[in-house]
Protein backbone atom coordinates (compact mmCIF):
# COMPACT_ATOMS: atom_id res chain seq x y z
CA UNK A 1 28.85 -15.94 8.73
CA UNK A 2 31.39 -18.68 9.62
CA UNK A 3 28.99 -20.20 12.00
CA UNK A 4 27.74 -23.65 10.69
CA UNK A 5 24.40 -22.95 11.81
CA UNK A 6 24.31 -19.65 9.60
CA UNK A 7 25.60 -21.82 6.46
CA UNK A 8 22.83 -24.31 6.93
CA UNK A 9 20.02 -21.52 7.20
CA UNK A 10 21.43 -19.90 3.72
CA UNK A 11 21.37 -23.31 2.13
CA UNK A 12 17.77 -23.71 3.27
CA UNK A 13 16.71 -20.27 2.45
CA UNK A 14 18.10 -20.87 -1.03
CA UNK A 15 16.76 -24.25 -1.67
CA UNK A 16 13.31 -22.81 -0.44
CA UNK A 17 13.82 -19.43 -2.98
CA UNK A 18 14.48 -22.02 -5.83
CA UNK A 19 11.55 -24.23 -5.01
CA UNK A 20 9.40 -21.15 -5.24
CA UNK A 21 10.91 -19.55 -8.23
CA UNK A 22 9.43 -19.42 -11.67
CA UNK A 23 12.69 -21.48 -13.04
CA UNK A 24 11.76 -24.60 -11.03
CA UNK A 25 7.86 -24.26 -11.82
CA UNK A 26 9.05 -24.36 -15.70
CA UNK A 27 11.21 -27.48 -14.54
CA UNK A 28 7.96 -29.13 -13.03
CA UNK A 29 5.78 -28.45 -15.87
CA UNK A 30 8.42 -29.88 -18.13
CA UNK A 31 8.69 -33.11 -16.15
CA UNK A 32 4.79 -33.53 -15.96
CA UNK A 33 4.24 -33.24 -19.61
CA UNK A 34 7.55 -35.84 -20.04
CA UNK A 35 5.74 -37.89 -17.31
CA UNK A 36 2.40 -37.79 -19.41
CA UNK A 37 3.91 -38.92 -22.54
CA UNK A 38 5.95 -41.78 -21.10
CA UNK A 39 2.76 -43.03 -19.66
CA UNK A 40 1.31 -42.99 -22.89
CA UNK A 41 3.79 -44.72 -24.38
CA UNK A 42 3.67 -47.61 -21.86
CA UNK A 43 0.13 -47.88 -22.83
CA UNK A 44 0.63 -47.89 -26.46
CA UNK A 45 3.20 -50.59 -26.02
CA UNK A 46 0.79 -52.73 -23.97
CA UNK A 47 -1.95 -52.28 -26.35
CA UNK A 48 0.52 -53.18 -29.24
CA UNK A 49 1.65 -56.35 -27.40
CA UNK A 50 -1.89 -57.53 -26.86
CA UNK A 51 -3.31 -56.25 -23.90
CA UNK A 52 -6.33 -57.34 -24.97
CA UNK A 53 -5.13 -60.85 -24.38
CA UNK A 54 -4.04 -62.64 -21.26
CA UNK A 55 -2.74 -59.97 -18.64
CA UNK A 56 -0.34 -62.50 -17.43
CA UNK A 57 1.15 -63.28 -20.92
CA UNK A 58 1.31 -59.49 -21.55
CA UNK A 59 3.77 -58.46 -18.37
CA UNK A 60 5.57 -61.86 -18.28
CA UNK A 61 6.05 -62.12 -22.25
CA UNK A 62 4.96 -65.44 -21.92
CA UNK A 63 2.30 -67.97 -20.78
CA UNK A 64 3.53 -69.56 -17.71
CA UNK A 65 1.88 -72.44 -16.06
CA UNK A 66 0.78 -72.39 -12.46
CA UNK A 67 3.25 -74.73 -11.50
CA UNK A 68 6.10 -72.49 -12.22
CA UNK A 69 4.40 -69.20 -10.67
CA UNK A 70 2.66 -70.72 -7.35
CA UNK A 71 4.21 -72.13 -4.65
CA UNK A 72 1.60 -75.09 -3.83
CA UNK A 73 1.30 -76.09 -7.47
CA UNK A 74 4.97 -76.00 -8.07
CA UNK A 75 5.58 -78.24 -4.66
CA UNK A 76 2.93 -80.78 -6.53
CA UNK A 77 5.00 -80.72 -9.29
CA UNK A 78 8.20 -81.45 -7.48
CA UNK A 79 6.72 -84.32 -5.51
CA UNK A 80 5.20 -85.89 -9.06
CA UNK A 81 8.71 -85.37 -10.40
CA UNK A 82 10.35 -87.15 -7.44
CA UNK A 83 7.66 -89.85 -7.88
CA UNK A 84 8.97 -90.52 -11.39
CA UNK A 85 12.79 -89.82 -10.33
CA UNK A 86 12.30 -93.06 -7.97
CA UNK A 87 11.79 -95.30 -10.67
CA UNK A 88 15.21 -95.16 -11.44
CA UNK A 89 16.18 -96.78 -7.83
CA UNK A 90 15.55 -100.03 -9.22
CA UNK A 91 16.84 -101.86 -11.97
CA UNK A 92 13.65 -103.23 -13.19
CA UNK A 93 13.69 -102.30 -17.43
CA UNK A 94 9.91 -101.54 -17.50
CA UNK A 95 10.09 -98.96 -14.52
CA UNK A 96 13.04 -96.97 -16.48
CA UNK A 97 10.63 -96.99 -19.47
CA UNK A 98 7.80 -95.89 -17.69
CA UNK A 99 9.97 -93.14 -15.89
CA UNK A 100 10.67 -91.98 -19.28
CA UNK A 101 7.09 -92.08 -20.78
CA UNK A 102 5.74 -90.28 -17.49
CA UNK A 103 8.37 -87.42 -17.51
CA UNK A 104 7.71 -86.61 -21.32
CA UNK A 105 3.93 -86.91 -20.34
CA UNK A 106 4.90 -83.94 -17.60
CA UNK A 107 6.85 -81.57 -19.43
CA UNK A 108 4.46 -82.42 -22.76
CA UNK A 109 1.60 -80.87 -20.13
CA UNK A 110 3.44 -78.05 -19.23
CA UNK A 111 5.00 -76.82 -22.42
CA UNK A 112 1.06 -77.15 -23.63
CA UNK A 113 -0.01 -75.22 -20.93
CA UNK A 114 2.75 -72.31 -22.28
CA UNK A 115 0.48 -72.21 -25.07
CA UNK A 116 3.06 -73.33 -27.90
CA UNK A 117 1.35 -74.25 -31.08
CA UNK A 118 1.40 -78.03 -32.13
CA UNK A 119 -0.81 -81.07 -32.02
CA UNK A 120 1.54 -83.37 -30.00
CA UNK A 121 4.92 -82.86 -28.16
CA UNK A 122 7.14 -83.26 -30.86
CA UNK A 123 5.41 -80.45 -33.14
CA UNK A 124 5.35 -78.37 -29.76
CA UNK A 125 8.94 -78.85 -29.54
CA UNK A 126 9.78 -77.92 -33.16
CA UNK A 127 7.47 -74.75 -32.72
CA UNK A 128 10.00 -73.38 -29.76
CA UNK A 129 13.08 -71.42 -30.67
CA UNK A 130 16.18 -72.19 -29.08
CA UNK A 131 16.51 -69.14 -27.11
CA UNK A 132 13.16 -69.45 -25.48
CA UNK A 133 14.39 -72.88 -23.69
CA UNK A 134 17.92 -73.40 -22.88
CA UNK A 135 17.87 -77.17 -23.34
CA UNK A 136 15.64 -77.41 -26.00
CA UNK A 137 17.86 -79.75 -28.28
CA UNK A 138 18.17 -82.10 -25.06
CA UNK A 139 14.53 -82.12 -24.75
CA UNK A 140 13.96 -83.39 -28.49
CA UNK A 141 16.50 -86.03 -28.21
CA UNK A 142 14.86 -87.07 -24.98
CA UNK A 143 11.34 -87.16 -27.00
CA UNK A 144 12.81 -89.07 -29.67
CA UNK A 145 13.91 -91.80 -27.20
CA UNK A 146 10.64 -91.77 -25.46
CA UNK A 147 9.21 -92.28 -29.12
CA UNK A 148 11.44 -95.29 -29.70
CA UNK A 149 10.20 -96.80 -26.35
CA UNK A 150 6.51 -96.59 -27.22
CA UNK A 151 7.06 -97.71 -30.96
CA UNK A 152 10.09 -100.42 -30.86
CA UNK A 153 8.69 -103.49 -29.17
CA UNK A 154 12.37 -104.68 -28.57
CA UNK A 155 14.08 -101.67 -27.65
CA UNK A 156 16.56 -101.72 -25.00
CA UNK A 157 16.92 -98.79 -22.43
CA UNK A 158 19.91 -98.89 -19.89
CA UNK A 159 19.98 -97.08 -16.55
CA UNK A 160 22.49 -94.93 -17.99
CA UNK A 161 20.65 -93.86 -20.75
CA UNK A 162 17.37 -93.75 -18.51
CA UNK A 163 19.38 -91.09 -16.18
CA UNK A 164 20.54 -88.94 -18.92
CA UNK A 165 16.97 -88.66 -20.20
CA UNK A 166 15.59 -87.74 -17.16
CA UNK A 167 18.49 -85.43 -16.50
CA UNK A 168 17.22 -83.26 -19.76
CA UNK A 169 13.88 -82.92 -18.45
CA UNK A 170 14.82 -82.28 -15.04
CA UNK A 171 17.21 -79.22 -16.30
CA UNK A 172 13.90 -78.03 -18.06
CA UNK A 173 12.27 -77.91 -14.20
CA UNK A 174 15.23 -76.47 -12.89
CA UNK A 175 15.27 -73.89 -15.64
CA UNK A 176 12.04 -72.76 -14.03
CA UNK A 177 12.85 -73.44 -10.51
CA UNK A 178 10.36 -76.26 -9.97
CA UNK A 179 13.43 -78.36 -8.76
CA UNK A 180 16.73 -77.48 -6.67
């Protein structure tokens, strides 16, 4: 009985006997019922969450635009963002303002695609809970600056302010891994 081969044979024989026993059959039966109950629970949770709607919303918990999920649209968005940022390279005040306006429109389009309610970007930002988007307060401040650019004829924007505003928009894009 000290032979290792005999010990292995005894253990394997015991496992085979247990596998074919009534006790293991009862355990398998109980686990089968448990698996069926879990499956039904998952189905009920999906129905409660609104399976009848968009499947992507159901599984991700929110509607993410294609630009956040797929590589090619994400790359296009990244190129568009770099083009907006390149307007900061010169000291032309009109280019600085235009960069802010274009960045605001870009983020507004993405948030609109995320199906937040509201007739305009300001209303959509107000309908976002602080826990849903990390830098929501910065986005609100940046949007207010954009509104000042649009509505105040003599509004002066410094390059530093423009960089800070674009940084808040970029942080939003970074949170969704659009930019590095």
